[in-house]
Every structure is written in structure tokens, then in C-alpha cells.
């Protein structure tokens, strides 16, 4: 059974409601009667497996989003930039297999329990991602879009022992430091897809000489793709380091950035 609520809908949960067969629930841009409405609704979904919550209005009456659901298999969260940065997210989903977050706020707060059964994650956030990374270390496939959280580059305790496929889109200069950290903490990585954002000309690149070679470069990485290559010094430095040590590489492609000329006429 599937329930989809979208748009100008007020979520008001009476105490007598019961949804014993509901397995998929999608809540897109709805308004809640009060901050307890979401918790009440979820408490009546006894066998829920797939949950999507999309928010685009800071006036939807939610202050904290609490998802405490042992049976949940898939969870998707979408939060636009106008939502309050004071809103917190508490996620306790030990059986989750797929996890997606798209959060366009500059600041956010996530309190997340480990997800030991997680197989795939799609994480695209602008703010701090440390607490998110700590909870998804069992993932096998990871699509990560971020600003390059330098404060976590050398953080201990985060190791992606099962990660085999990494799709990384990163939007900051000095991105290579974070990427090499990811490679160094993903010993079984087999495929890397990389896309690097373009930065203002005044951005200062600080060359890095890496003291150790990530294990995955020496033992497991077979496929590499670099999109939107522009030939910056940082990109050339990283590729020199990468190809020097990627001894198991079978396939590599570098795709140049093509400027969008549609606005030039």
C-alpha cells in the first residue's frame, strides 16, 4: 500500500487512525497541524519500508524531524534553502538500505544512529557533513555532493570498509585534500567518478604533498572518470599523483568542461 500527499494539504492525525498495511509514504511540501503531527503519523505506520519527506517552507510547522523506525528500508529527505537552519533531524533507522539527503541550507543539524545495513547513499548537502559520514560507513555505493568539509579531512574513526563505488561532486577549491582523504579511508574502492566545480579566479590553491598513498590506488581501483576538467594546477597535481600510484587501473576517462554559450547571444 502506498500513500502520497503533495502540496496544499494539512496533515492532521486523529488518535484513532491506523495504517497497518502502509509500506510507502511520501510527504511532499505539505503543512503539518503541529510539530507532533509527523511523529504521530509515523507511529501508526506499523510496517513502513519507504519514506520520503520533502520540505520547501519554513512555515510548515515542523521544528524537529524525528524518524525512529527500525523496519524502514529506504529514506529520502529533501530540504530547500528557505527552511530554517534551526530545525534538527534525528534519524534512528538501523535496517536502512538506501538513504538520500538533499539539503540546500548553509547550516544544519543531524543526529543519526549508525546504519549497519546501508548499501547505497545519495548525499548532497552544503553544510557540515561530519555526522552524516559517521553514520553511513557501511555503504557500498555513495554519491556525495558537498563543499569539501575540511574540518573532517583528518577526522579519526570514519572508514568506509565496504565502499566500492564513489561518485563525488565537490564545490570548493583545495578539493583534492578531501578527495585523497576519502580515497585513504575507502580501502576497497573500485570505481571513482569525479566532478569538480569551477571557482572564482581569486580562489587560492594551496598545494598539498600527500605523505601516504591510499590503499585503494595500489590494490583495488579499476575505473576512473573525471568530468568537467579545466586544467587547473590543482587538477593537474591531483592527476599526476593519481596516475603515478593507480596500479590496478583498467579504464580512465577525462572529460573537458564545455562552456555554456547559450547566454552569449
C-alpha atoms as a PDB file:
ATOM      1  CA  UNK A   1       0.000   0.000   0.000  1.00  0.00           C
ATOM      2  CA  UNK A   2       1.243   3.490  -0.937  1.00  0.00           C
ATOM      3  CA  UNK A   3       0.163   6.928   0.305  1.00  0.00           C
ATOM      4  CA  UNK A   4       1.316  10.124  -1.441  1.00  0.00           C
ATOM      5  CA  UNK A   5       0.497  13.593  -0.084  1.00  0.00           C
ATOM      6  CA  UNK A   6       1.625  16.574  -2.147  1.00  0.00           C
ATOM      7  CA  UNK A   7       1.147  20.322  -1.943  1.00  0.00           C
ATOM      8  CA  UNK A   8      -1.565  22.274  -0.157  1.00  0.00           C
ATOM      9  CA  UNK A   9      -2.538  19.585   2.340  1.00  0.00           C
ATOM     10  CA  UNK A  10      -2.832  19.867   6.121  1.00  0.00           C
ATOM     11  CA  UNK A  11      -1.588  16.753   7.899  1.00  0.00           C
ATOM     12  CA  UNK A  12      -3.843  16.293  10.927  1.00  0.00           C
ATOM     13  CA  UNK A  13      -3.557  12.864  12.542  1.00  0.00           C
ATOM     14  CA  UNK A  14      -6.540  11.737  14.652  1.00  0.00           C
ATOM     15  CA  UNK A  15      -5.775   9.367  17.539  1.00  0.00           C
ATOM     16  CA  UNK A  16      -7.887   6.595  16.011  1.00  0.00           C
ATOM     17  CA  UNK A  17      -6.014   6.374  12.724  1.00  0.00           C
ATOM     18  CA  UNK A  18      -4.242   3.132  11.839  1.00  0.00           C
ATOM     19  CA  UNK A  19      -2.328   2.245   8.686  1.00  0.00           C
ATOM     20  CA  UNK A  20      -1.332  -1.389   9.245  1.00  0.00           C
ATOM     21  CA  UNK A  21      -0.562  -2.161   5.573  1.00  0.00           C
ATOM     22  CA  UNK A  22       1.156   1.069   4.510  1.00  0.00           C
ATOM     23  CA  UNK A  23       4.645   0.369   3.149  1.00  0.00           C
ATOM     24  CA  UNK A  24       5.392   3.539   1.151  1.00  0.00           C
ATOM     25  CA  UNK A  25       4.725   7.081   2.370  1.00  0.00           C
ATOM     26  CA  UNK A  26       5.584  10.284   0.500  1.00  0.00           C
ATOM     27  CA  UNK A  27       5.097  13.699   2.105  1.00  0.00           C
ATOM     28  CA  UNK A  28       5.942  16.444  -0.395  1.00  0.00           C
ATOM     29  CA  UNK A  29       5.614  20.092   0.626  1.00  0.00           C
ATOM     30  CA  UNK A  30       2.683  19.554   2.987  1.00  0.00           C
ATOM     31  CA  UNK A  31       1.810  21.539   6.109  1.00  0.00           C
ATOM     32  CA  UNK A  32       1.553  19.815   9.478  1.00  0.00           C
ATOM     33  CA  UNK A  33      -1.041  20.737  12.086  1.00  0.00           C
ATOM     34  CA  UNK A  34       1.704  20.978  14.699  1.00  0.00           C
ATOM     35  CA  UNK A  35       5.244  19.766  15.296  1.00  0.00           C
ATOM     36  CA  UNK A  36       3.979  16.450  16.671  1.00  0.00           C
ATOM     37  CA  UNK A  37       1.910  15.539  13.596  1.00  0.00           C
ATOM     38  CA  UNK A  38       4.728  13.774  11.757  1.00  0.00           C
ATOM     39  CA  UNK A  39       5.642  11.653  14.762  1.00  0.00           C
ATOM     40  CA  UNK A  40       2.004  10.648  15.257  1.00  0.00           C
ATOM     41  CA  UNK A  41       1.598   9.731  11.609  1.00  0.00           C
ATOM     42  CA  UNK A  42       4.701   7.565  11.576  1.00  0.00           C
ATOM     43  CA  UNK A  43       3.715   5.862  14.826  1.00  0.00           C
ATOM     44  CA  UNK A  44       0.619   4.469  13.096  1.00  0.00           C
ATOM     45  CA  UNK A  45       2.537   3.052  10.111  1.00  0.00           C
ATOM     46  CA  UNK A  46       3.367  -0.354  11.504  1.00  0.00           C
ATOM     47  CA  UNK A  47       5.179  -1.897   8.509  1.00  0.00           C
ATOM     48  CA  UNK A  48       6.507   1.174   6.709  1.00  0.00           C
ATOM     49  CA  UNK A  49       9.510   0.459   4.474  1.00  0.00           C
ATOM     50  CA  UNK A  50       9.897   3.522   2.232  1.00  0.00           C
ATOM     51  CA  UNK A  51       9.608   7.134   3.460  1.00  0.00           C
ATOM     52  CA  UNK A  52      10.112  10.422   1.612  1.00  0.00           C
ATOM     53  CA  UNK A  53       9.881  13.825   3.325  1.00  0.00           C
ATOM     54  CA  UNK A  54      10.281  16.934   1.155  1.00  0.00           C
ATOM     55  CA  UNK A  55      10.194  20.409   2.713  1.00  0.00           C
ATOM     56  CA  UNK A  56      10.197  23.793   0.999  1.00  0.00           C
ATOM     57  CA  UNK A  57       8.596  26.102   3.565  1.00  0.00           C
ATOM     58  CA  UNK A  58       9.884  27.141   6.977  1.00  0.00           C
ATOM     59  CA  UNK A  59       6.249  27.677   7.990  1.00  0.00           C
ATOM     60  CA  UNK A  60       5.194  24.030   7.643  1.00  0.00           C
ATOM     61  CA  UNK A  61       5.026  23.813  11.484  1.00  0.00           C
ATOM     62  CA  UNK A  62       7.869  21.310  11.853  1.00  0.00           C
ATOM     63  CA  UNK A  63      10.740  22.162  14.159  1.00  0.00           C
ATOM     64  CA  UNK A  64      12.368  18.782  14.545  1.00  0.00           C
ATOM     65  CA  UNK A  65      12.087  15.849  12.180  1.00  0.00           C
ATOM     66  CA  UNK A  66      12.354  12.594  14.098  1.00  0.00           C
ATOM     67  CA  UNK A  67      12.451   9.339  12.140  1.00  0.00           C
ATOM     68  CA  UNK A  68      12.760   6.470  14.595  1.00  0.00           C
ATOM     69  CA  UNK A  69      11.762   3.413  12.624  1.00  0.00           C
ATOM     70  CA  UNK A  70      13.535   0.040  12.970  1.00  0.00           C
ATOM     71  CA  UNK A  71      11.838  -1.537   9.929  1.00  0.00           C
ATOM     72  CA  UNK A  72      12.464   1.285   7.448  1.00  0.00           C
ATOM     73  CA  UNK A  73      14.377   0.227   4.310  1.00  0.00           C
ATOM     74  CA  UNK A  74      14.513   3.479   2.312  1.00  0.00           C
ATOM     75  CA  UNK A  75      14.594   7.102   3.479  1.00  0.00           C
ATOM     76  CA  UNK A  76      14.734  10.268   1.365  1.00  0.00           C
ATOM     77  CA  UNK A  77      14.925  13.816   2.751  1.00  0.00           C
ATOM     78  CA  UNK A  78      14.727  16.942   0.604  1.00  0.00           C
ATOM     79  CA  UNK A  79      15.129  20.365   2.255  1.00  0.00           C
ATOM     80  CA  UNK A  80      15.345  23.654   0.346  1.00  0.00           C
ATOM     81  CA  UNK A  81      17.395  26.650   1.444  1.00  0.00           C
ATOM     82  CA  UNK A  82      14.477  28.687   2.850  1.00  0.00           C
ATOM     83  CA  UNK A  83      13.780  26.104   5.546  1.00  0.00           C
ATOM     84  CA  UNK A  84      15.048  27.114   8.968  1.00  0.00           C
ATOM     85  CA  UNK A  85      18.609  26.180   9.863  1.00  0.00           C
ATOM     86  CA  UNK A  86      17.425  25.731  13.457  1.00  0.00           C
ATOM     87  CA  UNK A  87      15.385  22.663  12.535  1.00  0.00           C
ATOM     88  CA  UNK A  88      17.027  19.449  13.730  1.00  0.00           C
ATOM     89  CA  UNK A  89      16.884  15.959  12.268  1.00  0.00           C
ATOM     90  CA  UNK A  90      17.038  12.821  14.385  1.00  0.00           C
ATOM     91  CA  UNK A  91      17.328   9.580  12.435  1.00  0.00           C
ATOM     92  CA  UNK A  92      17.275   6.125  14.002  1.00  0.00           C
ATOM     93  CA  UNK A  93      16.918   3.577  11.194  1.00  0.00           C
ATOM     94  CA  UNK A  94      19.165   0.544  11.844  1.00  0.00           C
ATOM     95  CA  UNK A  95      17.766  -1.523   8.943  1.00  0.00           C
ATOM     96  CA  UNK A  96      18.023   1.171   6.278  1.00  0.00           C
ATOM     97  CA  UNK A  97      19.404   0.033   2.921  1.00  0.00           C
ATOM     98  CA  UNK A  98      19.021   3.236   0.885  1.00  0.00           C
ATOM     99  CA  UNK A  99      19.453   6.781   2.215  1.00  0.00           C
ATOM    100  CA  UNK A 100      19.146  10.091   0.369  1.00  0.00           C
ATOM    101  CA  UNK A 101      19.572  13.666   1.610  1.00  0.00           C
ATOM    102  CA  UNK A 102      19.355  16.809  -0.488  1.00  0.00           C
ATOM    103  CA  UNK A 103      19.811  19.777   1.872  1.00  0.00           C
ATOM    104  CA  UNK A 104      20.390  23.241   0.417  1.00  0.00           C
ATOM    105  CA  UNK A 105      20.701  25.069   3.745  1.00  0.00           C
ATOM    106  CA  UNK A 106      24.046  26.570   4.687  1.00  0.00           C
ATOM    107  CA  UNK A 107      23.772  25.183   8.231  1.00  0.00           C
ATOM    108  CA  UNK A 108      22.007  22.100   9.525  1.00  0.00           C
ATOM    109  CA  UNK A 109      21.922  19.705  12.457  1.00  0.00           C
ATOM    110  CA  UNK A 110      21.712  15.916  12.114  1.00  0.00           C
ATOM    111  CA  UNK A 111      21.743  13.407  14.942  1.00  0.00           C
ATOM    112  CA  UNK A 112      21.996   9.999  13.339  1.00  0.00           C
ATOM    113  CA  UNK A 113      22.499   6.496  14.633  1.00  0.00           C
ATOM    114  CA  UNK A 114      24.731   4.105  12.644  1.00  0.00           C
ATOM    115  CA  UNK A 115      23.146   2.319   9.680  1.00  0.00           C
ATOM    116  CA  UNK A 116      24.963  -1.037   9.588  1.00  0.00           C
ATOM    117  CA  UNK A 117      22.880  -2.485   6.718  1.00  0.00           C
ATOM    118  CA  UNK A 118      23.135   0.522   4.424  1.00  0.00           C
ATOM    119  CA  UNK A 119      24.054  -0.363   0.838  1.00  0.00           C
ATOM    120  CA  UNK A 120      23.582   2.891  -1.072  1.00  0.00           C
ATOM    121  CA  UNK A 121      23.548   6.570  -0.121  1.00  0.00           C
ATOM    122  CA  UNK A 122      22.945   9.748  -2.106  1.00  0.00           C
ATOM    123  CA  UNK A 123      24.127  12.751  -0.069  1.00  0.00           C
ATOM    124  CA  UNK A 124      24.069  16.313  -1.415  1.00  0.00           C
ATOM    125  CA  UNK A 125      24.480  18.973   1.258  1.00  0.00           C
ATOM    126  CA  UNK A 126      26.016  22.433   1.579  1.00  0.00           C
ATOM    127  CA  UNK A 127      26.817  22.450   5.280  1.00  0.00           C
ATOM    128  CA  UNK A 128      28.701  20.227   7.695  1.00  0.00           C
ATOM    129  CA  UNK A 129      28.544  16.547   6.735  1.00  0.00           C
ATOM    130  CA  UNK A 130      30.604  15.031   9.540  1.00  0.00           C
ATOM    131  CA  UNK A 131      27.734  13.453  11.470  1.00  0.00           C
ATOM    132  CA  UNK A 132      26.289  12.092   8.231  1.00  0.00           C
ATOM    133  CA  UNK A 133      29.536  10.441   7.141  1.00  0.00           C
ATOM    134  CA  UNK A 134      29.985   8.843  10.551  1.00  0.00           C
ATOM    135  CA  UNK A 135      26.613   7.095  10.233  1.00  0.00           C
ATOM    136  CA  UNK A 136      26.946   5.675   6.714  1.00  0.00           C
ATOM    137  CA  UNK A 137      30.337   3.959   6.840  1.00  0.00           C
ATOM    138  CA  UNK A 138      28.873   0.564   5.825  1.00  0.00           C
ATOM    139  CA  UNK A 139      27.699   1.886   2.440  1.00  0.00           C
ATOM    140  CA  UNK A 140      28.776   0.163  -0.787  1.00  0.00           C
ATOM    141  CA  UNK A 141      27.721   2.842  -3.279  1.00  0.00           C
ATOM    142  CA  UNK A 142      27.993   6.526  -2.391  1.00  0.00           C
ATOM    143  CA  UNK A 143      27.038   9.601  -4.371  1.00  0.00           C
ATOM    144  CA  UNK A 144      28.352  12.617  -2.473  1.00  0.00           C
ATOM    145  CA  UNK A 145      27.934  16.278  -3.328  1.00  0.00           C
ATOM    146  CA  UNK A 146      29.436  18.735  -0.854  1.00  0.00           C
ATOM    147  CA  UNK A 147      31.526  21.828  -0.256  1.00  0.00           C
ATOM    148  CA  UNK A 148      34.534  19.861   0.903  1.00  0.00           C
ATOM    149  CA  UNK A 149      34.312  19.813   4.718  1.00  0.00           C
ATOM    150  CA  UNK A 150      37.962  20.498   5.570  1.00  0.00           C
ATOM    151  CA  UNK A 151      37.283  20.173   9.288  1.00  0.00           C
ATOM    152  CA  UNK A 152      36.720  16.428   8.758  1.00  0.00           C
ATOM    153  CA  UNK A 153      39.585  15.707   6.397  1.00  0.00           C
ATOM    154  CA  UNK A 154      41.713  14.184   9.155  1.00  0.00           C
ATOM    155  CA  UNK A 155      38.937  13.045  11.481  1.00  0.00           C
ATOM    156  CA  UNK A 156      39.586   9.638  13.014  1.00  0.00           C
ATOM    157  CA  UNK A 157      37.034   6.845  13.138  1.00  0.00           C
ATOM    158  CA  UNK A 158      35.478   7.266   9.690  1.00  0.00           C
ATOM    159  CA  UNK A 159      36.409   4.329   7.452  1.00  0.00           C
ATOM    160  CA  UNK A 160      34.327   3.099   4.508  1.00  0.00           C
ATOM    161  CA  UNK A 161      35.365  -0.537   4.635  1.00  0.00           C
ATOM    162  CA  UNK A 162      32.675  -1.710   2.161  1.00  0.00           C
ATOM    163  CA  UNK A 163      32.650   1.211  -0.269  1.00  0.00           C
ATOM    164  CA  UNK A 164      33.207   0.119  -3.876  1.00  0.00           C
ATOM    165  CA  UNK A 165      31.669   2.921  -5.963  1.00  0.00           C
ATOM    166  CA  UNK A 166      32.122   6.638  -5.237  1.00  0.00           C
ATOM    167  CA  UNK A 167      30.538   9.443  -7.240  1.00  0.00           C
ATOM    168  CA  UNK A 168      31.946  12.700  -5.850  1.00  0.00           C
ATOM    169  CA  UNK A 169      30.841  16.210  -6.843  1.00  0.00           C
ATOM    170  CA  UNK A 170      32.733  18.839  -4.886  1.00  0.00           C
ATOM    171  CA  UNK A 171      32.318  22.593  -4.979  1.00  0.00           C
ATOM    172  CA  UNK A 172      35.324  24.211  -3.343  1.00  0.00           C
ATOM    173  CA  UNK A 173      38.950  24.966  -4.074  1.00  0.00           C
ATOM    174  CA  UNK A 174      41.525  22.745  -2.348  1.00  0.00           C
ATOM    175  CA  UNK A 175      39.098  19.892  -3.031  1.00  0.00           C
ATOM    176  CA  UNK A 176      41.912  17.400  -3.637  1.00  0.00           C
ATOM    177  CA  UNK A 177      42.766  17.208   0.074  1.00  0.00           C
ATOM    178  CA  UNK A 178      39.277  15.938   0.877  1.00  0.00           C
ATOM    179  CA  UNK A 179      39.281  13.561  -2.089  1.00  0.00           C
ATOM    180  CA  UNK A 180      42.578  11.956  -1.084  1.00  0.00           C
ATOM    181  CA  UNK A 181      41.215  11.627   2.457  1.00  0.00           C
ATOM    182  CA  UNK A 182      38.165   9.803   1.046  1.00  0.00           C
ATOM    183  CA  UNK A 183      40.380   7.517  -1.012  1.00  0.00           C
ATOM    184  CA  UNK A 184      42.559   6.797   2.002  1.00  0.00           C
ATOM    185  CA  UNK A 185      39.513   5.764   4.026  1.00  0.00           C
ATOM    186  CA  UNK A 186      37.953   3.582   1.303  1.00  0.00           C
ATOM    187  CA  UNK A 187      40.336   0.597   1.056  1.00  0.00           C
ATOM    188  CA  UNK A 188      38.083  -1.467  -1.277  1.00  0.00           C
ATOM    189  CA  UNK A 189      37.077   1.274  -3.708  1.00  0.00           C
ATOM    190  CA  UNK A 190      36.814   0.029  -7.297  1.00  0.00           C
ATOM    191  CA  UNK A 191      35.213   2.912  -9.213  1.00  0.00           C
ATOM    192  CA  UNK A 192      35.599   6.689  -8.846  1.00  0.00           C
ATOM    193  CA  UNK A 193      33.539   9.296 -10.708  1.00  0.00           C
ATOM    194  CA  UNK A 194      34.720  12.840 -10.037  1.00  0.00           C
ATOM    195  CA  UNK A 195      33.262  16.244 -10.856  1.00  0.00           C
ATOM    196  CA  UNK A 196      34.823  19.465  -9.569  1.00  0.00           C
ATOM    197  CA  UNK A 197      33.069  22.839  -9.524  1.00  0.00           C
ATOM    198  CA  UNK A 198      34.513  25.975 -11.059  1.00  0.00           C
ATOM    199  CA  UNK A 199      35.719  28.651  -8.653  1.00  0.00           C
ATOM    200  CA  UNK A 200      36.428  32.387  -8.810  1.00  0.00           C
ATOM    201  CA  UNK A 201      39.825  33.361 -10.151  1.00  0.00           C
ATOM    202  CA  UNK A 202      40.801  34.857  -6.804  1.00  0.00           C
ATOM    203  CA  UNK A 203      40.459  31.471  -5.053  1.00  0.00           C
ATOM    204  CA  UNK A 204      43.859  30.491  -3.662  1.00  0.00           C
ATOM    205  CA  UNK A 205      45.131  26.969  -4.262  1.00  0.00           C
ATOM    206  CA  UNK A 206      47.384  25.606  -1.554  1.00  0.00           C
ATOM    207  CA  UNK A 207      49.477  22.747  -2.981  1.00  0.00           C
ATOM    208  CA  UNK A 208      49.479  19.563  -0.924  1.00  0.00           C
ATOM    209  CA  UNK A 209      52.093  16.825  -0.865  1.00  0.00           C
ATOM    210  CA  UNK A 210      50.425  13.668   0.358  1.00  0.00           C
ATOM    211  CA  UNK A 211      52.572  11.664   2.751  1.00  0.00           C
ATOM    212  CA  UNK A 212      50.957   8.299   2.040  1.00  0.00           C
ATOM    213  CA  UNK A 213      49.292   6.553  -0.877  1.00  0.00           C
ATOM    214  CA  UNK A 214      45.671   5.382  -0.400  1.00  0.00           C
ATOM    215  CA  UNK A 215      45.428   1.604  -0.308  1.00  0.00           C
ATOM    216  CA  UNK A 216      42.670   1.522  -2.923  1.00  0.00           C
ATOM    217  CA  UNK A 217      45.012   3.077  -5.512  1.00  0.00           C
ATOM    218  CA  UNK A 218      47.502   0.278  -5.001  1.00  0.00           C
ATOM    219  CA  UNK A 219      45.101  -2.655  -4.696  1.00  0.00           C
ATOM    220  CA  UNK A 220      41.552  -2.180  -5.987  1.00  0.00           C
ATOM    221  CA  UNK A 221      40.640   0.946  -8.006  1.00  0.00           C
ATOM    222  CA  UNK A 222      39.883  -0.089 -11.599  1.00  0.00           C
ATOM    223  CA  UNK A 223      37.694   2.659 -13.094  1.00  0.00           C
ATOM    224  CA  UNK A 224      38.152   6.427 -13.037  1.00  0.00           C
ATOM    225  CA  UNK A 225      36.174   9.234 -14.674  1.00  0.00           C
ATOM    226  CA  UNK A 226      36.845  12.968 -14.301  1.00  0.00           C
ATOM    227  CA  UNK A 227      34.099  15.251 -15.647  1.00  0.00           C
ATOM    228  CA  UNK A 228      34.321  18.996 -16.305  1.00  0.00           C
ATOM    229  CA  UNK A 229      38.114  19.020 -16.385  1.00  0.00           C
ATOM    230  CA  UNK A 230      39.513  22.542 -16.887  1.00  0.00           C
ATOM    231  CA  UNK A 231      43.243  22.005 -16.443  1.00  0.00           C
ATOM    232  CA  UNK A 232      43.793  23.980 -13.248  1.00  0.00           C
ATOM    233  CA  UNK A 233      47.013  23.489 -11.308  1.00  0.00           C
ATOM    234  CA  UNK A 234      45.178  21.599  -8.568  1.00  0.00           C
ATOM    235  CA  UNK A 235      43.614  19.239 -11.095  1.00  0.00           C
ATOM    236  CA  UNK A 236      46.971  18.593 -12.753  1.00  0.00           C
ATOM    237  CA  UNK A 237      48.661  17.979  -9.396  1.00  0.00           C
ATOM    238  CA  UNK A 238      45.999  15.505  -8.340  1.00  0.00           C
ATOM    239  CA  UNK A 239      46.060  13.624 -11.653  1.00  0.00           C
ATOM    240  CA  UNK A 240      49.842  13.368 -11.506  1.00  0.00           C
ATOM    241  CA  UNK A 241      49.614  11.815  -8.041  1.00  0.00           C
ATOM    242  CA  UNK A 242      46.674   9.619  -9.036  1.00  0.00           C
ATOM    243  CA  UNK A 243      48.140   8.096 -12.203  1.00  0.00           C
ATOM    244  CA  UNK A 244      51.520   7.593 -10.560  1.00  0.00           C
ATOM    245  CA  UNK A 245      50.025   5.249  -7.971  1.00  0.00           C
ATOM    246  CA  UNK A 246      46.835   3.776  -9.534  1.00  0.00           C
ATOM    247  CA  UNK A 247      48.455   0.444 -10.325  1.00  0.00           C
ATOM    248  CA  UNK A 248      45.217  -1.541 -10.838  1.00  0.00           C
ATOM    249  CA  UNK A 249      43.528   0.944 -13.176  1.00  0.00           C
ATOM    250  CA  UNK A 250      41.805  -0.595 -16.213  1.00  0.00           C
ATOM    251  CA  UNK A 251      39.742   2.312 -17.504  1.00  0.00           C
ATOM    252  CA  UNK A 252      40.189   6.080 -17.212  1.00  0.00           C
ATOM    253  CA  UNK A 253      38.455   8.984 -18.927  1.00  0.00           C
ATOM    254  CA  UNK A 254      38.905  12.731 -18.562  1.00  0.00           C
ATOM    255  CA  UNK A 255      36.116  14.881 -19.992  1.00  0.00           C
ATOM    256  CA  UNK A 256      36.824  18.551 -20.553  1.00  0.00           C
ATOM    257  CA  UNK A 257      34.440  21.225 -19.334  1.00  0.00           C
ATOM    258  CA  UNK A 258      32.378  22.650 -22.207  1.00  0.00           C
ATOM    259  CA  UNK A 259      31.302  26.273 -21.576  1.00  0.00           C
ATOM    260  CA  UNK A 260      27.600  27.030 -21.896  1.00  0.00           C
ATOM    261  CA  UNK A 261      27.387  29.530 -24.755  1.00  0.00           C
ATOM    262  CA  UNK A 262      23.595  29.720 -24.783  1.00  0.00           C
ATOM    263  CA  UNK A 263      23.631  33.053 -22.905  1.00  0.00           C
ATOM    264  CA  UNK A 264      26.202  34.678 -25.177  1.00  0.00           C
ATOM    265  CA  UNK A 265      23.804  35.565 -27.958  1.00  0.00           C
END
